Protein backbone atom coordinates (compact mmCIF):
# COMPACT_ATOMS: atom_id res chain seq x y z
CA MET A 1 -107.76 76.11 76.96
CA LYS A 2 -107.61 73.30 79.47
CA THR A 3 -108.30 74.53 82.82
CA ASP A 4 -106.45 72.75 85.96
CA TYR A 5 -109.58 72.41 88.49
CA PHE A 6 -107.21 72.29 91.26
CA LYS A 7 -105.10 75.55 90.52
CA TRP A 8 -107.50 77.24 92.95
CA THR A 9 -108.81 75.88 96.10
CA LYS A 10 -110.50 77.29 99.30
CA GLU A 11 -107.10 77.23 101.12
CA LYS A 12 -105.12 78.83 98.47
CA ILE A 13 -106.23 81.37 95.83
CA ASP A 14 -103.85 82.79 93.09
CA MET A 15 -105.78 86.04 92.22
CA ASP A 16 -103.60 86.41 89.14
CA LEU A 17 -105.82 83.59 87.81
CA PHE A 18 -108.62 86.19 87.83
CA THR A 19 -106.63 89.32 86.01
CA ARG A 20 -109.74 89.85 83.89
CA ILE A 21 -112.12 90.08 86.90
CA THR A 22 -112.33 93.14 89.16
CA ASN A 23 -114.16 93.97 92.25
CA ASP A 24 -114.55 97.74 92.98
CA ILE A 25 -117.19 98.92 95.44
CA SER A 26 -117.77 102.08 93.16
CA ILE A 27 -118.52 100.00 90.20
CA MET A 28 -121.68 97.83 90.12
CA GLY A 29 -121.66 97.91 93.92
CA GLY A 30 -118.62 95.79 94.11
CA LYS A 31 -119.91 92.78 92.12
CA PRO A 32 -117.15 90.91 90.27
CA CYS A 33 -116.98 92.56 86.78
CA ILE A 34 -114.98 92.04 83.69
CA LYS A 35 -112.08 94.34 83.90
CA GLY A 36 -112.73 97.83 82.33
CA THR A 37 -116.53 97.34 82.01
CA ARG A 38 -119.68 97.24 83.99
CA VAL A 39 -120.60 93.76 82.91
CA THR A 40 -120.76 91.43 85.90
CA VAL A 41 -119.83 87.96 86.20
CA GLY A 42 -123.52 87.28 87.17
CA MET A 43 -124.79 88.83 84.05
CA ILE A 44 -122.65 86.52 81.82
CA LEU A 45 -123.43 83.40 83.85
CA ALA A 46 -127.17 84.18 83.84
CA GLN A 47 -127.10 84.43 80.01
CA LEU A 48 -125.20 81.16 79.65
CA GLY A 49 -127.41 79.48 82.21
CA GLY A 50 -130.43 80.68 80.25
CA GLY A 51 -129.20 78.78 77.18
CA GLN A 52 -127.22 81.44 75.20
CA SER A 53 -124.02 80.23 73.67
CA ILE A 54 -120.79 82.22 74.19
CA ASP A 55 -121.06 83.56 70.59
CA GLU A 56 -124.56 84.86 71.38
CA VAL A 57 -123.17 86.46 74.60
CA LEU A 58 -120.33 88.03 72.57
CA ASP A 59 -123.01 89.51 70.21
CA ASP A 60 -124.64 91.15 73.21
CA TYR A 61 -121.24 92.47 74.47
CA PRO A 62 -119.03 93.01 71.34
CA TYR A 63 -116.33 94.63 73.43
CA LEU A 64 -115.81 91.50 75.43
CA SER A 65 -113.52 88.56 74.31
CA ARG A 66 -114.04 84.90 74.46
CA GLU A 67 -111.32 84.92 77.18
CA ASP A 68 -113.43 87.18 79.39
CA ILE A 69 -116.41 84.97 79.02
CA LEU A 70 -114.10 81.91 80.02
CA ALA A 71 -112.76 84.01 82.97
CA ALA A 72 -116.19 84.66 84.13
CA LEU A 73 -116.99 80.95 83.97
CA GLU A 74 -113.94 80.19 85.94
CA TYR A 75 -114.61 82.88 88.56
CA GLY A 76 -118.09 81.56 89.01
CA ALA A 77 -116.81 77.84 89.42
CA TRP A 78 -114.42 79.08 92.03
CA ALA A 79 -116.90 81.28 93.90
CA VAL A 80 -119.22 78.40 94.31
CA SER A 81 -116.46 75.92 95.18
CA SER A 82 -115.24 78.12 97.77
CA GLN A 83 -118.41 77.96 99.90
CA GLU A 84 -119.27 75.19 102.34
CA LEU A 85 -123.03 73.77 102.26
CA VAL A 86 -124.43 72.66 105.54
CA MET A 87 -126.95 69.96 104.93
């Protein structure tokens, strides 16, 4: 799946891009989660950042799909790109 980096920007966000990600204050304190689960984007990114492969993450969460993991990565990239860094 090729991702167009410029389909989301700070100025314009198409939330339909994140249909697999939800934010609900009553679930995990409002942290972004994979829809229908209590698995946060941060949990997935931490595992991938710690060196696990997508397949290993899927072994840990067999109810998730590869598309869920990719959606978490895309959401994480969007979240970081939407913040300004003051140096």
